[in-house]
Amino acid sequence: MLLTLLGLWGGLIPFIGPYAHFGFAPDRAWHFTADRFWLIVLPAVATIIGGLILMFAANRAVAMFGGWLAAAGGLWFAVGGAIAALWSGGLGTPLGGSLGHRIAVVLSLTTGLGALITMIAGLALGRFAVVGVRESRRAEAAGAAGVGAGAEREHGAPRQGAAPEWERTGENRGRPVPAHGRAGRNSSERAAGELRDRH
């Protein structure tokens, strides 16, 4: 969420800051140029989207993509002005009558903002790159539960209609037949005898 808020700050303040004499020349709100698109809007959008992905992603790989996207936006906030000088572009002169005011504008809207976004995105990437103790314990518990369920299915009660264990293994061969087994066998023999008598 913090990354999203920082992206909104970096993307909006240069356009609405001139209302409070805070931003870059010309001292006119909503002044849009191609340089402002490349140096303000583009990194702000990358930071906002990266922050939203980090907030709502349920997959580790997707969350890491969001972190890298936000980090790229922060880096571009920090170094974009210096690179823009190579094509004779830039955001313009910082507004303000004092040196401290101009330094505050530069730090809060470009280099300082970019460094802060990059640091927070790096922390988020580090969090998703390492499996935490809670996640590992949760995975171990889930694995143990899966193994236990599989063991119960393998060693559980015999399927319906299957022969009793003492008949399948032959362990009681030569020994007295259990009462429930004898009753079942006698009833089946009686039924077979009645069928023969009818025919």
N, C-alpha and C. Protein backbone atom coordinates (compact mmCIF):
# COMPACT_ATOMS: atom_id res chain seq x y z
N MET A 1 0.82 -1.19 0.00
CA MET A 1 0.00 0.00 0.00
C MET A 1 0.86 1.26 0.00
N LEU A 2 1.98 1.22 0.75
CA LEU A 2 2.85 2.37 0.81
C LEU A 2 3.45 2.68 -0.57
N LEU A 3 3.80 1.64 -1.31
CA LEU A 3 4.32 1.87 -2.66
C LEU A 3 3.28 2.54 -3.55
N THR A 4 2.05 2.11 -3.44
CA THR A 4 0.98 2.72 -4.25
C THR A 4 0.80 4.19 -3.90
N LEU A 5 0.84 4.51 -2.60
CA LEU A 5 0.69 5.90 -2.18
C LEU A 5 1.87 6.75 -2.66
N LEU A 6 3.08 6.20 -2.58
CA LEU A 6 4.24 6.94 -3.06
C LEU A 6 4.18 7.16 -4.57
N GLY A 7 3.68 6.16 -5.31
CA GLY A 7 3.51 6.33 -6.74
C GLY A 7 2.51 7.43 -7.07
N LEU A 8 1.41 7.46 -6.31
CA LEU A 8 0.42 8.53 -6.52
C LEU A 8 1.02 9.90 -6.22
N TRP A 9 1.80 9.97 -5.14
CA TRP A 9 2.46 11.23 -4.80
C TRP A 9 3.37 11.70 -5.95
N GLY A 10 4.23 10.80 -6.40
CA GLY A 10 5.17 11.17 -7.45
C GLY A 10 4.51 11.50 -8.76
N GLY A 11 3.34 10.90 -9.03
CA GLY A 11 2.67 11.14 -10.29
C GLY A 11 1.76 12.36 -10.30
N LEU A 12 1.27 12.78 -9.11
CA LEU A 12 0.30 13.87 -9.07
C LEU A 12 0.89 15.20 -8.62
N ILE A 13 1.80 15.17 -7.65
CA ILE A 13 2.29 16.43 -7.08
C ILE A 13 2.95 17.34 -8.11
N PRO A 14 3.75 16.83 -9.06
CA PRO A 14 4.32 17.76 -10.05
C PRO A 14 3.26 18.50 -10.86
N PHE A 15 2.04 17.94 -10.96
CA PHE A 15 0.98 18.59 -11.74
C PHE A 15 0.09 19.49 -10.90
N ILE A 16 -0.10 19.14 -9.62
CA ILE A 16 -0.97 19.97 -8.76
C ILE A 16 -0.17 20.79 -7.76
N GLY A 17 1.15 20.49 -7.64
CA GLY A 17 1.99 21.23 -6.70
C GLY A 17 2.08 22.72 -6.96
N PRO A 18 2.05 23.16 -8.23
CA PRO A 18 2.14 24.61 -8.48
C PRO A 18 1.03 25.41 -7.82
N TYR A 19 -0.10 24.77 -7.45
CA TYR A 19 -1.12 25.51 -6.70
C TYR A 19 -0.54 26.04 -5.39
N ALA A 20 0.42 25.29 -4.82
CA ALA A 20 1.08 25.69 -3.57
C ALA A 20 2.51 26.12 -3.81
N HIS A 21 2.85 26.45 -5.05
CA HIS A 21 4.21 26.88 -5.42
C HIS A 21 5.23 25.78 -5.06
N PHE A 22 4.87 24.55 -5.41
CA PHE A 22 5.74 23.40 -5.10
C PHE A 22 5.77 22.51 -6.34
N GLY A 23 6.90 22.42 -6.99
CA GLY A 23 7.01 21.61 -8.20
C GLY A 23 8.13 22.12 -9.06
N PHE A 24 7.90 22.06 -10.36
CA PHE A 24 8.92 22.48 -11.33
C PHE A 24 8.33 23.54 -12.25
N ALA A 25 9.20 24.43 -12.71
CA ALA A 25 8.76 25.48 -13.63
C ALA A 25 8.30 24.84 -14.95
N PRO A 26 7.29 25.45 -15.59
CA PRO A 26 6.63 26.72 -15.23
C PRO A 26 5.67 26.56 -14.06
N ASP A 27 5.44 27.63 -13.37
CA ASP A 27 4.59 27.61 -12.17
C ASP A 27 3.13 27.60 -12.60
N ARG A 28 2.75 26.51 -13.23
CA ARG A 28 1.39 26.37 -13.76
C ARG A 28 0.93 24.93 -13.55
N ALA A 29 -0.23 24.76 -12.95
CA ALA A 29 -0.74 23.42 -12.63
C ALA A 29 -1.13 22.68 -13.91
N TRP A 30 -1.01 21.39 -13.87
CA TRP A 30 -1.38 20.49 -14.96
C TRP A 30 -0.65 20.80 -16.26
N HIS A 31 0.55 21.31 -16.14
CA HIS A 31 1.37 21.56 -17.33
C HIS A 31 1.99 20.23 -17.77
N PHE A 32 1.67 19.78 -18.97
CA PHE A 32 2.11 18.45 -19.43
C PHE A 32 3.06 18.59 -20.61
N THR A 33 4.16 17.85 -20.54
CA THR A 33 5.13 17.79 -21.64
C THR A 33 5.54 16.33 -21.83
N ALA A 34 6.25 16.07 -22.93
CA ALA A 34 6.74 14.71 -23.17
C ALA A 34 7.72 14.29 -22.10
N ASP A 35 8.57 15.22 -21.63
CA ASP A 35 9.53 14.90 -20.57
C ASP A 35 8.80 14.53 -19.28
N ARG A 36 7.73 15.20 -18.99
CA ARG A 36 6.97 14.86 -17.77
C ARG A 36 6.31 13.49 -17.89
N PHE A 37 5.94 13.12 -19.11
CA PHE A 37 5.39 11.77 -19.28
C PHE A 37 6.46 10.73 -18.98
N TRP A 38 7.67 10.90 -19.56
CA TRP A 38 8.72 9.90 -19.39
C TRP A 38 9.31 9.91 -17.99
N LEU A 39 9.38 11.06 -17.36
CA LEU A 39 10.09 11.18 -16.08
C LEU A 39 9.17 11.19 -14.87
N ILE A 40 7.86 11.38 -15.07
CA ILE A 40 6.93 11.42 -13.93
C ILE A 40 5.83 10.37 -14.08
N VAL A 41 5.10 10.45 -15.19
CA VAL A 41 3.93 9.58 -15.34
C VAL A 41 4.35 8.12 -15.44
N LEU A 42 5.34 7.82 -16.28
CA LEU A 42 5.74 6.43 -16.50
C LEU A 42 6.24 5.75 -15.23
N PRO A 43 7.19 6.33 -14.48
CA PRO A 43 7.61 5.66 -13.24
C PRO A 43 6.51 5.61 -12.19
N ALA A 44 5.64 6.61 -12.18
CA ALA A 44 4.54 6.60 -11.21
C ALA A 44 3.58 5.44 -11.50
N VAL A 45 3.26 5.23 -12.76
CA VAL A 45 2.36 4.12 -13.13
C VAL A 45 3.01 2.79 -12.78
N ALA A 46 4.31 2.65 -13.06
CA ALA A 46 5.01 1.40 -12.73
C ALA A 46 4.98 1.14 -11.24
N THR A 47 5.20 2.18 -10.45
CA THR A 47 5.20 2.02 -8.99
C THR A 47 3.81 1.67 -8.47
N ILE A 48 2.78 2.34 -8.99
CA ILE A 48 1.41 2.08 -8.53
C ILE A 48 1.00 0.65 -8.87
N ILE A 49 1.24 0.23 -10.11
CA ILE A 49 0.86 -1.13 -10.51
C ILE A 49 1.65 -2.16 -9.71
N GLY A 50 2.94 -1.93 -9.52
CA GLY A 50 3.74 -2.86 -8.72
C GLY A 50 3.24 -2.97 -7.29
N GLY A 51 2.89 -1.83 -6.70
CA GLY A 51 2.34 -1.86 -5.34
C GLY A 51 1.03 -2.60 -5.25
N LEU A 52 0.14 -2.41 -6.24
CA LEU A 52 -1.14 -3.12 -6.24
C LEU A 52 -0.93 -4.62 -6.40
N ILE A 53 0.01 -5.01 -7.26
CA ILE A 53 0.30 -6.45 -7.42
C ILE A 53 0.80 -7.03 -6.10
N LEU A 54 1.69 -6.33 -5.42
CA LEU A 54 2.19 -6.81 -4.13
C LEU A 54 1.07 -6.93 -3.11
N MET A 55 0.08 -6.06 -3.16
CA MET A 55 -1.01 -6.09 -2.20
C MET A 55 -1.95 -7.27 -2.41
N PHE A 56 -2.22 -7.61 -3.67
CA PHE A 56 -3.28 -8.56 -3.95
C PHE A 56 -2.80 -9.88 -4.54
N ALA A 57 -1.51 -10.02 -4.82
CA ALA A 57 -1.02 -11.25 -5.46
C ALA A 57 -1.11 -12.41 -4.48
N ALA A 58 -1.60 -13.56 -4.99
CA ALA A 58 -1.65 -14.79 -4.19
C ALA A 58 -0.53 -15.74 -4.56
N ASN A 59 0.20 -15.41 -5.60
CA ASN A 59 1.29 -16.27 -6.08
C ASN A 59 2.62 -15.57 -5.84
N ARG A 60 3.61 -16.34 -5.36
CA ARG A 60 4.91 -15.75 -5.04
C ARG A 60 5.58 -15.14 -6.28
N ALA A 61 5.51 -15.83 -7.41
CA ALA A 61 6.16 -15.33 -8.63
C ALA A 61 5.52 -14.03 -9.09
N VAL A 62 4.19 -13.95 -9.03
CA VAL A 62 3.49 -12.72 -9.43
C VAL A 62 3.85 -11.58 -8.49
N ALA A 63 3.91 -11.87 -7.20
CA ALA A 63 4.27 -10.83 -6.23
C ALA A 63 5.69 -10.32 -6.48
N MET A 64 6.61 -11.21 -6.80
CA MET A 64 7.97 -10.78 -7.08
C MET A 64 8.04 -9.92 -8.34
N PHE A 65 7.20 -10.24 -9.33
CA PHE A 65 7.13 -9.38 -10.52
C PHE A 65 6.67 -7.98 -10.14
N GLY A 66 5.66 -7.89 -9.27
CA GLY A 66 5.21 -6.59 -8.80
C GLY A 66 6.29 -5.83 -8.07
N GLY A 67 7.08 -6.54 -7.26
CA GLY A 67 8.17 -5.88 -6.55
C GLY A 67 9.24 -5.34 -7.49
N TRP A 68 9.59 -6.12 -8.51
CA TRP A 68 10.58 -5.65 -9.49
C TRP A 68 10.04 -4.47 -10.29
N LEU A 69 8.74 -4.49 -10.61
CA LEU A 69 8.15 -3.38 -11.36
C LEU A 69 8.20 -2.09 -10.54
N ALA A 70 7.84 -2.20 -9.25
CA ALA A 70 7.91 -1.02 -8.39
C ALA A 70 9.34 -0.53 -8.22
N ALA A 71 10.29 -1.47 -8.09
CA ALA A 71 11.70 -1.08 -7.96
C ALA A 71 12.19 -0.36 -9.22
N ALA A 72 11.75 -0.84 -10.39
CA ALA A 72 12.14 -0.17 -11.63
C ALA A 72 11.58 1.24 -11.69
N GLY A 73 10.32 1.41 -11.23
CA GLY A 73 9.76 2.76 -11.18
C GLY A 73 10.53 3.67 -10.25
N GLY A 74 10.92 3.15 -9.08
CA GLY A 74 11.71 3.96 -8.15
C GLY A 74 13.06 4.34 -8.71
N LEU A 75 13.72 3.39 -9.37
CA LEU A 75 15.02 3.70 -9.97
C LEU A 75 14.90 4.78 -11.04
N TRP A 76 13.83 4.70 -11.82
CA TRP A 76 13.66 5.70 -12.88
C TRP A 76 13.34 7.08 -12.30
N PHE A 77 12.58 7.12 -11.19
CA PHE A 77 12.38 8.40 -10.51
C PHE A 77 13.73 9.00 -10.10
N ALA A 78 14.64 8.13 -9.61
CA ALA A 78 15.90 8.61 -9.05
C ALA A 78 16.88 9.06 -10.13
N VAL A 79 16.98 8.32 -11.22
CA VAL A 79 18.04 8.60 -12.21
C VAL A 79 17.49 9.19 -13.51
N GLY A 80 16.17 9.25 -13.65
CA GLY A 80 15.60 9.72 -14.91
C GLY A 80 16.02 11.14 -15.26
N GLY A 81 16.07 12.02 -14.26
CA GLY A 81 16.44 13.40 -14.54
C GLY A 81 17.85 13.52 -15.08
N ALA A 82 18.78 12.73 -14.51
CA ALA A 82 20.16 12.78 -14.99
C ALA A 82 20.28 12.24 -16.40
N ILE A 83 19.51 11.18 -16.70
CA ILE A 83 19.56 10.61 -18.05
C ILE A 83 18.89 11.55 -19.05
N ALA A 84 17.84 12.26 -18.61
CA ALA A 84 17.15 13.19 -19.52
C ALA A 84 18.06 14.30 -19.98
N ALA A 85 19.06 14.64 -19.18
CA ALA A 85 20.00 15.68 -19.59
C ALA A 85 20.77 15.29 -20.83
N LEU A 86 20.88 13.99 -21.11
CA LEU A 86 21.60 13.53 -22.29
C LEU A 86 20.85 13.88 -23.58
N TRP A 87 19.53 13.96 -23.50
CA TRP A 87 18.78 14.40 -24.69
C TRP A 87 18.28 15.83 -24.52
N SER A 88 18.94 16.59 -23.65
CA SER A 88 18.62 18.01 -23.42
C SER A 88 17.20 18.20 -22.95
N GLY A 89 16.76 17.26 -22.13
CA GLY A 89 15.41 17.37 -21.57
C GLY A 89 15.47 17.46 -20.06
N GLY A 90 14.32 17.41 -19.45
CA GLY A 90 14.25 17.47 -17.99
C GLY A 90 12.92 18.01 -17.53
N LEU A 91 12.76 18.07 -16.22
CA LEU A 91 11.50 18.53 -15.63
C LEU A 91 11.43 20.03 -15.49
N GLY A 92 12.55 20.70 -15.62
CA GLY A 92 12.56 22.15 -15.45
C GLY A 92 13.18 22.53 -14.12
N THR A 93 13.23 23.82 -13.87
CA THR A 93 13.83 24.35 -12.65
C THR A 93 12.89 24.15 -11.47
N PRO A 94 13.39 23.67 -10.34
CA PRO A 94 12.52 23.53 -9.16
C PRO A 94 11.98 24.88 -8.71
N LEU A 95 10.72 24.91 -8.33
CA LEU A 95 10.11 26.14 -7.84
C LEU A 95 10.57 26.42 -6.41
N GLY A 96 10.57 27.65 -6.04
CA GLY A 96 10.94 28.02 -4.67
C GLY A 96 11.93 29.17 -4.67
N GLY A 97 11.76 30.07 -3.67
CA GLY A 97 12.65 31.21 -3.58
C GLY A 97 13.91 30.92 -2.79
N SER A 98 13.92 29.86 -2.00
CA SER A 98 15.10 29.55 -1.18
C SER A 98 15.72 28.24 -1.65
N LEU A 99 16.99 28.08 -1.27
CA LEU A 99 17.69 26.85 -1.62
C LEU A 99 17.05 25.64 -0.95
N GLY A 100 16.65 25.78 0.29
CA GLY A 100 16.02 24.67 1.00
C GLY A 100 14.73 24.22 0.33
N HIS A 101 13.96 25.18 -0.15
CA HIS A 101 12.71 24.85 -0.84
C HIS A 101 12.99 24.05 -2.11
N ARG A 102 13.96 24.49 -2.88
CA ARG A 102 14.28 23.80 -4.13
C ARG A 102 14.83 22.39 -3.86
N ILE A 103 15.66 22.27 -2.81
CA ILE A 103 16.18 20.94 -2.45
C ILE A 103 15.03 20.02 -2.04
N ALA A 104 14.06 20.55 -1.29
CA ALA A 104 12.91 19.74 -0.87
C ALA A 104 12.11 19.26 -2.08
N VAL A 105 11.97 20.13 -3.08
CA VAL A 105 11.24 19.74 -4.29
C VAL A 105 11.96 18.60 -5.00
N VAL A 106 13.26 18.73 -5.18
CA VAL A 106 14.02 17.70 -5.90
C VAL A 106 14.00 16.37 -5.15
N LEU A 107 14.22 16.43 -3.84
CA LEU A 107 14.27 15.19 -3.06
C LEU A 107 12.91 14.50 -2.98
N SER A 108 11.85 15.28 -2.78
CA SER A 108 10.54 14.67 -2.56
C SER A 108 9.85 14.25 -3.86
N LEU A 109 10.32 14.75 -5.02
CA LEU A 109 9.64 14.42 -6.28
C LEU A 109 10.50 13.61 -7.25
N THR A 110 11.79 13.52 -7.00
CA THR A 110 12.64 12.76 -7.94
C THR A 110 13.58 11.82 -7.20
N THR A 111 14.77 12.29 -6.85
CA THR A 111 15.81 11.39 -6.34
C THR A 111 15.45 10.77 -4.99
N GLY A 112 15.02 11.58 -4.04
CA GLY A 112 14.67 11.04 -2.73
C GLY A 112 13.48 10.11 -2.80
N LEU A 113 12.47 10.50 -3.57
CA LEU A 113 11.30 9.64 -3.75
C LEU A 113 11.69 8.32 -4.40
N GLY A 114 12.52 8.39 -5.44
CA GLY A 114 12.95 7.17 -6.12
C GLY A 114 13.73 6.25 -5.21
N ALA A 115 14.62 6.82 -4.38
CA ALA A 115 15.39 6.00 -3.45
C ALA A 115 14.49 5.32 -2.43
N LEU A 116 13.50 6.03 -1.94
CA LEU A 116 12.58 5.46 -0.96
C LEU A 116 11.75 4.33 -1.57
N ILE A 117 11.23 4.54 -2.77
CA ILE A 117 10.45 3.50 -3.45
C ILE A 117 11.30 2.27 -3.70
N THR A 118 12.54 2.48 -4.16
CA THR A 118 13.43 1.34 -4.43
C THR A 118 13.73 0.56 -3.17
N MET A 119 13.95 1.26 -2.05
CA MET A 119 14.24 0.59 -0.79
C MET A 119 13.05 -0.26 -0.33
N ILE A 120 11.84 0.30 -0.39
CA ILE A 120 10.66 -0.45 0.05
C ILE A 120 10.39 -1.64 -0.87
N ALA A 121 10.56 -1.44 -2.17
CA ALA A 121 10.38 -2.55 -3.10
C ALA A 121 11.42 -3.64 -2.85
N GLY A 122 12.66 -3.24 -2.53
CA GLY A 122 13.68 -4.23 -2.21
C GLY A 122 13.34 -5.03 -0.97
N LEU A 123 12.79 -4.37 0.04
CA LEU A 123 12.36 -5.09 1.24
C LEU A 123 11.26 -6.10 0.91
N ALA A 124 10.32 -5.68 0.07
CA ALA A 124 9.24 -6.60 -0.33
C ALA A 124 9.79 -7.78 -1.11
N LEU A 125 10.74 -7.53 -2.00
CA LEU A 125 11.34 -8.62 -2.77
C LEU A 125 12.08 -9.59 -1.86
N GLY A 126 12.79 -9.06 -0.87
CA GLY A 126 13.48 -9.93 0.08
C GLY A 126 12.52 -10.78 0.88
N ARG A 127 11.36 -10.21 1.21
CA ARG A 127 10.35 -10.96 1.96
C ARG A 127 9.80 -12.12 1.13
N PHE A 128 9.60 -11.90 -0.16
CA PHE A 128 9.04 -12.96 -0.99
C PHE A 128 10.10 -13.92 -1.50
N ALA A 129 11.36 -13.52 -1.46
CA ALA A 129 12.42 -14.41 -1.96
C ALA A 129 12.79 -15.47 -0.94
N VAL A 130 12.48 -15.25 0.34
CA VAL A 130 12.83 -16.20 1.40
C VAL A 130 11.55 -16.80 1.96
N VAL A 131 11.56 -18.11 2.14
CA VAL A 131 10.41 -18.79 2.74
C VAL A 131 10.47 -18.57 4.24
N GLY A 132 9.44 -17.97 4.81
CA GLY A 132 9.42 -17.69 6.24
C GLY A 132 9.18 -18.92 7.07
N VAL A 133 9.37 -18.76 8.39
CA VAL A 133 9.18 -19.88 9.32
C VAL A 133 7.73 -20.33 9.32
N ARG A 134 6.80 -19.38 9.29
CA ARG A 134 5.37 -19.75 9.30
C ARG A 134 5.01 -20.55 8.05
N GLU A 135 5.51 -20.07 6.88
CA GLU A 135 5.18 -20.77 5.64
C GLU A 135 5.75 -22.19 5.64
N SER A 136 6.99 -22.35 6.15
CA SER A 136 7.58 -23.69 6.15
C SER A 136 6.84 -24.62 7.10
N ARG A 137 6.43 -24.09 8.26
CA ARG A 137 5.67 -24.93 9.20
C ARG A 137 4.31 -25.29 8.62
N ARG A 138 3.68 -24.33 7.94
CA ARG A 138 2.39 -24.62 7.32
C ARG A 138 2.52 -25.67 6.24
N ALA A 139 3.59 -25.59 5.44
CA ALA A 139 3.81 -26.59 4.39
C ALA A 139 4.09 -27.96 4.99
N GLU A 140 4.87 -28.02 6.08
CA GLU A 140 5.14 -29.30 6.73
C GLU A 140 3.87 -29.91 7.29
N ALA A 141 3.03 -29.07 7.91
CA ALA A 141 1.77 -29.58 8.45
C ALA A 141 0.86 -30.10 7.35
N ALA A 142 0.80 -29.38 6.22
CA ALA A 142 -0.03 -29.84 5.10
C ALA A 142 0.50 -31.15 4.54
N GLY A 143 1.84 -31.27 4.44
CA GLY A 143 2.41 -32.52 3.94
C GLY A 143 2.14 -33.68 4.88
N ALA A 144 2.25 -33.44 6.19
CA ALA A 144 1.97 -34.50 7.16
C ALA A 144 0.51 -34.93 7.11
N ALA A 145 -0.38 -33.95 6.93
CA ALA A 145 -1.80 -34.29 6.84
C ALA A 145 -2.08 -35.12 5.59
N GLY A 146 -1.44 -34.79 4.48
CA GLY A 146 -1.63 -35.56 3.25
C GLY A 146 -1.12 -36.98 3.39
N VAL A 147 0.05 -37.14 4.05
CA VAL A 147 0.59 -38.49 4.25
C VAL A 147 -0.31 -39.30 5.16
N GLY A 148 -0.83 -38.66 6.23
CA GLY A 148 -1.72 -39.37 7.14
C GLY A 148 -3.00 -39.82 6.46
N ALA A 149 -3.55 -38.95 5.61
CA ALA A 149 -4.78 -39.33 4.90
C ALA A 149 -4.52 -40.49 3.95
N GLY A 150 -3.36 -40.46 3.28
CA GLY A 150 -3.02 -41.57 2.38
C GLY A 150 -2.84 -42.87 3.13
N ALA A 151 -2.22 -42.81 4.32
CA ALA A 151 -2.04 -44.03 5.11
C ALA A 151 -3.37 -44.58 5.57
N GLU A 152 -4.29 -43.70 5.94
CA GLU A 152 -5.62 -44.17 6.36
C GLU A 152 -6.34 -44.85 5.21
N ARG A 153 -6.19 -44.31 3.99
CA ARG A 153 -6.86 -44.94 2.85
C ARG A 153 -6.26 -46.30 2.56
N GLU A 154 -4.92 -46.43 2.75
CA GLU A 154 -4.28 -47.72 2.44
C GLU A 154 -4.57 -48.77 3.49
N HIS A 155 -4.62 -48.37 4.76
CA HIS A 155 -4.76 -49.34 5.85
C HIS A 155 -6.12 -49.26 6.53
N GLY A 156 -7.05 -48.62 5.91
CA GLY A 156 -8.36 -48.47 6.52
C GLY A 156 -9.19 -49.73 6.41
N ALA A 157 -10.50 -49.60 6.69
CA ALA A 157 -11.41 -50.74 6.67
C ALA A 157 -11.52 -51.28 5.25
N PRO A 158 -11.76 -52.62 5.10
CA PRO A 158 -11.89 -53.20 3.77
C PRO A 158 -13.08 -52.64 3.03
N ARG A 159 -13.01 -52.65 1.71
CA ARG A 159 -14.09 -52.11 0.90
C ARG A 159 -15.36 -52.93 1.10
N GLN A 160 -16.49 -52.32 0.82
CA GLN A 160 -17.77 -52.99 0.98
C GLN A 160 -17.87 -54.16 0.03
N GLY A 161 -18.25 -55.30 0.54
CA GLY A 161 -18.37 -56.50 -0.26
C GLY A 161 -17.10 -57.32 -0.29
N ALA A 162 -15.97 -56.80 0.27
CA ALA A 162 -14.73 -57.57 0.27
C ALA A 162 -14.79 -58.64 1.34
N ALA A 163 -14.03 -59.72 1.14
CA ALA A 163 -14.01 -60.81 2.11
C ALA A 163 -13.37 -60.34 3.40
N PRO A 164 -13.78 -60.92 4.55
CA PRO A 164 -13.17 -60.53 5.82
C PRO A 164 -11.68 -60.84 5.81
N GLU A 165 -10.97 -60.14 6.69
CA GLU A 165 -9.52 -60.28 6.75
C GLU A 165 -9.11 -61.71 7.03
N TRP A 166 -9.87 -62.45 7.92
CA TRP A 166 -9.46 -63.81 8.29
C TRP A 166 -9.64 -64.78 7.13
N GLU A 167 -10.58 -64.44 6.16
CA GLU A 167 -10.73 -65.30 4.99
C GLU A 167 -9.67 -64.99 3.94
N ARG A 168 -9.34 -63.67 3.77
CA ARG A 168 -8.38 -63.30 2.74
C ARG A 168 -6.98 -63.75 3.09
N THR A 169 -6.61 -63.69 4.34
CA THR A 169 -5.24 -64.06 4.73
C THR A 169 -5.11 -65.52 5.09
N GLY A 170 -6.23 -66.19 5.39
CA GLY A 170 -6.16 -67.61 5.77
C GLY A 170 -5.54 -67.82 7.14
N GLU A 171 -5.55 -66.78 7.97
CA GLU A 171 -4.93 -66.90 9.28
C GLU A 171 -5.70 -67.88 10.18
N ASN A 172 -7.02 -67.97 10.01
CA ASN A 172 -7.82 -68.84 10.89
C ASN A 172 -8.04 -70.22 10.29
N ARG A 173 -7.25 -70.58 9.28
CA ARG A 173 -7.40 -71.88 8.66
C ARG A 173 -7.07 -72.97 9.70
N GLY A 174 -7.99 -73.87 9.89
CA GLY A 174 -7.80 -74.93 10.89
C GLY A 174 -8.23 -74.52 12.27
N ARG A 175 -8.69 -73.29 12.42
CA ARG A 175 -9.15 -72.80 13.72
C ARG A 175 -10.66 -72.60 13.66
N PRO A 176 -11.29 -72.46 14.83
CA PRO A 176 -12.74 -72.22 14.83
C PRO A 176 -13.08 -70.93 14.09
N VAL A 177 -14.12 -70.98 13.29
CA VAL A 177 -14.55 -69.83 12.51
C VAL A 177 -15.22 -68.83 13.44
N PRO A 178 -14.92 -67.56 13.32
CA PRO A 178 -15.60 -66.57 14.17
C PRO A 178 -17.11 -66.66 14.02
N ALA A 179 -17.79 -66.25 15.09
CA ALA A 179 -19.25 -66.40 15.13
C ALA A 179 -19.91 -65.69 13.97
N HIS A 180 -19.46 -64.45 13.69
CA HIS A 180 -20.11 -63.71 12.60
C HIS A 180 -19.84 -64.37 11.27
N GLY A 181 -18.63 -64.96 11.12
CA GLY A 181 -18.31 -65.66 9.88
C GLY A 181 -19.11 -66.92 9.74
N ARG A 182 -19.30 -67.70 10.84
CA ARG A 182 -20.07 -68.94 10.80
C ARG A 182 -21.51 -68.64 10.45
N ALA A 183 -22.06 -67.56 11.07
CA ALA A 183 -23.46 -67.23 10.80
C ALA A 183 -23.65 -66.88 9.34
N GLY A 184 -22.71 -66.11 8.79
CA GLY A 184 -22.83 -65.74 7.38
C GLY A 184 -22.73 -66.95 6.48
N ARG A 185 -21.81 -67.89 6.80
CA ARG A 185 -21.62 -69.07 5.96
C ARG A 185 -22.85 -69.98 6.05
N ASN A 186 -23.41 -70.19 7.28
CA ASN A 186 -24.59 -71.06 7.43
C ASN A 186 -25.79 -70.50 6.67
N SER A 187 -25.97 -69.18 6.72
CA SER A 187 -27.11 -68.59 6.02
C SER A 187 -26.97 -68.76 4.52
N SER A 188 -25.75 -68.64 3.98
CA SER A 188 -25.57 -68.82 2.54
C SER A 188 -25.79 -70.28 2.15
N GLU A 189 -25.36 -71.23 3.01
CA GLU A 189 -25.59 -72.65 2.70
C GLU A 189 -27.07 -72.98 2.71
N ARG A 190 -27.81 -72.42 3.69
CA ARG A 190 -29.25 -72.67 3.74
C ARG A 190 -29.94 -72.13 2.49
N ALA A 191 -29.53 -70.95 2.04
CA ALA A 191 -30.14 -70.37 0.86
C ALA A 191 -29.87 -71.23 -0.36
N ALA A 192 -28.66 -71.78 -0.49
CA ALA A 192 -28.33 -72.64 -1.62
C ALA A 192 -29.15 -73.92 -1.56
N GLY A 193 -29.37 -74.50 -0.35
CA GLY A 193 -30.18 -75.72 -0.24
C GLY A 193 -31.61 -75.49 -0.63
N GLU A 194 -32.20 -74.38 -0.21
CA GLU A 194 -33.57 -74.07 -0.58
C GLU A 194 -33.73 -73.94 -2.08
N LEU A 195 -32.71 -73.35 -2.72
CA LEU A 195 -32.77 -73.17 -4.18
C LEU A 195 -32.75 -74.53 -4.87
N ARG A 196 -31.93 -75.49 -4.37
CA ARG A 196 -31.87 -76.82 -4.99
C ARG A 196 -33.20 -77.56 -4.79
N ASP A 197 -33.83 -77.43 -3.61
CA ASP A 197 -35.10 -78.10 -3.35
C ASP A 197 -36.18 -77.61 -4.30
N ARG A 198 -36.17 -76.34 -4.66
CA ARG A 198 -37.19 -75.81 -5.54
C ARG A 198 -37.08 -76.42 -6.93
N HIS A 199 -35.83 -76.68 -7.35
CA HIS A 199 -35.64 -77.25 -8.69
C HIS A 199 -35.61 -78.75 -8.65
